[in-house]
Amino acid sequence: MSNTDAPIGVILLAAGKSERFGADKRLVQIDKPQSTQQQPMLLTTLQQIRASGLPLFVVLRPGDQQWGDALDKLSIDWGICPEAAQGMGHSLAFGVHATQQWNGWLIALADMPFIHSQTYRYVADNLKQHAIVRPRLKSQPQRPAHPVGFQRQFACELMACEGDHGARDLLQKHHDQLFELLLEDDGIVRDIDRPQDLNV
């Protein structure tokens, strides 16, 4: 497969320690989309991404074999980042390294289950014309939003990410190549850091 035929996919960072939440927030029960039932937050996030039709790779942390087994049953690719405890940057670098055959990456977070599946598609489609794509909520454009997309040209820099910043330094360095995609999906700014965030 040549690079021009390679897909744009989603790397889901699910290797955090959930320190501010006080427990493994990936397991917290939230409402399933279009349903009155509940399921673990990580499964809801996965469901939304899969509905986009984009390739998906999930980054887990050491000790997560049980999650890995669950992902195997769902036919979802995953890997365990040995340095996950050192910060999100290490998990991001691991995910990009594991998917080097892709033509671009959307960086998604496990604790953002309310992003519409179509939003992932919008970001991926815009990434075909723009080097870096960052969504912004039309009503609150000043707030950080996800998922952020990077073209293949940033592969080496993404694989060099370290610590807790993720790709933040990369966004600042290449700000002149950044395309802001205005959307009305409030899920792009709604992450679950603490238990009270579930009640918004």
Protein backbone atom coordinates (compact mmCIF):
# COMPACT_ATOMS: atom_id res chain seq x y z
CA MET A 1 0.00 0.00 0.00
CA SER A 2 1.45 3.36 -0.95
CA ASN A 3 1.23 6.28 1.42
CA THR A 4 -1.28 8.02 -0.82
CA ASP A 5 -3.63 5.06 -0.40
CA ALA A 6 -3.06 4.74 3.34
CA PRO A 7 -5.95 5.60 5.65
CA ILE A 8 -6.35 8.35 8.20
CA GLY A 9 -7.11 6.74 11.53
CA VAL A 10 -7.86 7.44 15.18
CA ILE A 11 -5.44 6.81 18.04
CA LEU A 12 -7.42 6.55 21.27
CA LEU A 13 -5.32 7.37 24.33
CA ALA A 14 -6.71 5.21 27.14
CA ALA A 15 -3.62 4.75 29.30
CA GLY A 16 -4.07 7.51 31.87
CA LYS A 17 -4.05 6.95 35.64
CA SER A 18 -7.39 8.71 36.35
CA GLU A 19 -5.79 10.41 39.37
CA ARG A 20 -8.20 13.36 39.45
CA PHE A 21 -11.20 11.06 39.10
CA GLY A 22 -10.17 8.88 42.05
CA ALA A 23 -10.87 5.55 40.31
CA ASP A 24 -10.51 3.95 36.88
CA LYS A 25 -12.88 6.27 35.03
CA ARG A 26 -12.82 4.05 31.97
CA LEU A 27 -15.20 1.82 33.94
CA VAL A 28 -17.64 4.51 35.07
CA GLN A 29 -21.14 3.86 33.77
CA ILE A 30 -22.60 6.45 31.41
CA ASP A 31 -25.59 6.48 29.09
CA LYS A 32 -25.14 4.66 25.80
CA PRO A 33 -25.82 6.80 22.72
CA GLN A 34 -29.46 6.66 21.62
CA SER A 35 -30.31 4.36 24.53
CA THR A 36 -31.62 4.34 28.10
CA GLN A 37 -29.01 1.74 29.06
CA GLN A 38 -25.56 2.43 30.48
CA GLN A 39 -22.11 1.04 29.75
CA PRO A 40 -18.48 1.76 30.72
CA MET A 41 -17.24 5.11 29.44
CA LEU A 42 -14.42 3.60 27.37
CA LEU A 43 -16.90 1.43 25.46
CA THR A 44 -19.04 4.47 24.67
CA THR A 45 -16.03 6.37 23.33
CA LEU A 46 -15.05 3.33 21.24
CA GLN A 47 -18.60 3.01 19.93
CA GLN A 48 -18.64 6.61 18.73
CA ILE A 49 -15.28 6.27 16.98
CA ARG A 50 -16.18 2.98 15.30
CA ALA A 51 -19.40 4.50 14.00
CA SER A 52 -17.25 6.99 12.08
CA GLY A 53 -15.87 4.15 9.97
CA LEU A 54 -12.26 5.24 10.58
CA PRO A 55 -9.45 2.81 11.50
CA LEU A 56 -8.83 2.72 15.25
CA PHE A 57 -5.89 1.89 17.52
CA VAL A 58 -6.22 1.98 21.32
CA VAL A 59 -3.26 2.69 23.63
CA LEU A 60 -3.51 0.96 27.02
CA ARG A 61 -1.22 0.92 30.07
CA PRO A 62 0.67 -1.97 31.72
CA GLY A 63 -1.75 -4.19 33.62
CA ASP A 64 -4.58 -3.62 31.14
CA GLN A 65 -4.62 -7.11 29.64
CA GLN A 66 -8.30 -7.48 30.61
CA TRP A 67 -9.16 -4.44 28.51
CA GLY A 68 -7.02 -5.85 25.74
CA ASP A 69 -8.98 -9.09 25.81
CA ALA A 70 -12.22 -7.12 25.60
CA LEU A 71 -10.90 -5.16 22.60
CA ASP A 72 -9.85 -8.41 20.90
CA LYS A 73 -13.45 -9.60 21.14
CA LEU A 74 -14.53 -6.35 19.45
CA SER A 75 -11.84 -6.80 16.75
CA ILE A 76 -10.20 -3.50 17.76
CA ASP A 77 -6.41 -3.08 17.43
CA TRP A 78 -4.60 -2.12 20.62
CA GLY A 79 -1.23 -2.07 22.33
CA ILE A 80 0.21 -1.53 25.81
CA CYS A 81 2.57 1.43 26.14
CA PRO A 82 5.35 0.47 28.61
CA GLU A 83 6.04 4.15 29.44
CA ALA A 84 2.38 5.18 29.85
CA ALA A 85 2.99 6.28 33.45
CA GLN A 86 5.42 8.94 32.21
CA GLY A 87 2.66 10.91 30.53
CA MET A 88 0.31 11.27 27.60
CA GLY A 89 3.14 12.18 25.24
CA HIS A 90 4.66 8.73 25.59
CA SER A 91 1.30 7.07 24.86
CA LEU A 92 0.83 9.27 21.80
CA ALA A 93 4.30 8.44 20.48
CA PHE A 94 3.63 4.73 21.04
CA GLY A 95 0.32 4.90 19.16
CA VAL A 96 1.80 6.67 16.14
CA HIS A 97 4.74 4.26 16.05
CA ALA A 98 2.30 1.33 16.02
CA THR A 99 0.33 2.82 13.10
CA GLN A 100 3.14 4.18 10.92
CA GLN A 101 1.37 2.84 7.84
CA TRP A 102 -1.41 5.42 8.24
CA ASN A 103 -1.53 8.66 6.29
CA GLY A 104 -2.66 10.79 9.24
CA TRP A 105 -3.77 10.56 12.84
CA LEU A 106 -6.67 11.87 14.89
CA ILE A 107 -5.62 12.00 18.55
CA ALA A 108 -8.63 11.10 20.70
CA LEU A 109 -9.05 10.76 24.47
CA ALA A 110 -10.85 7.94 26.27
CA ASP A 111 -12.56 10.34 28.68
CA MET A 112 -14.42 12.21 25.91
CA PRO A 113 -17.35 9.86 25.17
CA PHE A 114 -19.79 12.53 24.01
CA ILE A 115 -18.07 13.45 20.72
CA HIS A 116 -20.38 12.65 17.81
CA SER A 117 -19.15 9.98 15.42
CA GLN A 118 -19.61 12.41 12.53
CA THR A 119 -17.15 14.82 14.16
CA TYR A 120 -14.33 12.29 13.76
CA ARG A 121 -15.28 12.03 10.10
CA TYR A 122 -15.28 15.83 9.66
CA VAL A 123 -11.80 16.16 11.15
CA ALA A 124 -10.46 13.29 9.02
CA ASP A 125 -11.98 14.73 5.84
CA ASN A 126 -10.47 18.16 6.52
CA LEU A 127 -7.10 16.58 7.26
CA LYS A 128 -6.87 15.64 3.58
CA GLN A 129 -6.54 19.35 2.74
CA HIS A 130 -4.88 20.76 5.87
CA ALA A 131 -1.66 19.77 7.68
CA ILE A 132 -3.17 20.03 11.17
CA VAL A 133 -6.87 20.21 12.03
CA ARG A 134 -8.20 21.28 15.41
CA PRO A 135 -11.94 21.45 16.07
CA ARG A 136 -13.43 24.43 17.88
CA LEU A 137 -16.89 24.74 19.40
CA LYS A 138 -18.68 27.60 17.65
CA SER A 139 -20.22 28.90 20.88
CA GLN A 140 -16.96 28.61 22.90
CA PRO A 141 -14.10 28.84 20.38
CA GLN A 142 -11.54 29.70 23.08
CA ARG A 143 -11.79 26.27 24.76
CA PRO A 144 -9.39 23.42 23.89
CA ALA A 145 -11.15 20.76 21.85
CA HIS A 146 -10.53 17.25 20.50
CA PRO A 147 -9.77 15.25 18.44
CA VAL A 148 -6.84 17.03 16.81
CA GLY A 149 -5.66 15.66 13.46
CA PHE A 150 -2.10 15.54 12.06
CA GLN A 151 -0.96 14.65 8.56
CA ARG A 152 1.73 12.05 7.93
CA GLN A 153 4.47 14.69 7.62
CA PHE A 154 4.42 15.05 11.43
CA ALA A 155 5.01 11.34 12.12
CA CYS A 156 8.58 11.73 13.39
CA GLU A 157 7.69 14.65 15.65
CA LEU A 158 4.66 12.82 17.04
CA MET A 159 6.80 9.77 17.78
CA ALA A 160 9.20 12.04 19.69
CA CYS A 161 6.49 13.32 22.08
CA GLU A 162 7.13 12.83 25.79
CA GLY A 163 5.67 13.76 29.16
CA ASP A 164 2.22 15.16 29.90
CA HIS A 165 1.90 17.69 27.11
CA GLY A 166 0.86 15.28 24.40
CA ALA A 167 1.03 17.19 21.12
CA ARG A 168 0.60 20.66 22.67
CA ASP A 169 4.17 21.76 21.88
CA LEU A 170 3.75 20.52 18.33
CA LEU A 171 0.62 22.63 17.89
CA GLN A 172 2.45 25.73 19.08
CA LYS A 173 5.47 25.06 16.87
CA HIS A 174 3.38 24.59 13.72
CA HIS A 175 0.61 27.07 14.49
CA ASP A 176 0.92 28.56 11.01
CA GLN A 177 -0.22 25.22 9.53
CA LEU A 178 -3.18 24.84 11.86
CA PHE A 179 -6.73 24.82 10.49
CA GLU A 180 -9.50 25.59 12.99
CA LEU A 181 -12.65 23.59 12.21
CA LEU A 182 -15.73 25.24 13.74
CA LEU A 183 -18.34 22.71 14.89
CA GLU A 184 -21.53 22.63 16.97
CA ASP A 185 -20.72 19.35 18.76
CA ASP A 186 -20.29 20.27 22.45
CA GLY A 187 -18.80 16.83 23.07
CA ILE A 188 -15.48 18.13 21.68
CA VAL A 189 -14.94 20.22 24.83
CA ARG A 190 -16.52 17.87 27.39
CA ASP A 191 -14.04 15.58 29.10
CA ILE A 192 -14.57 13.58 32.28
CA ASP A 193 -11.76 14.54 34.67
CA ARG A 194 -13.72 14.39 37.94
CA PRO A 195 -16.94 12.64 39.04
CA GLN A 196 -18.85 15.96 39.00
CA ASP A 197 -18.13 16.28 35.26
CA LEU A 198 -20.71 13.53 34.70
CA ASN A 199 -23.47 15.80 35.96
CA VAL A 200 -23.02 18.64 33.47
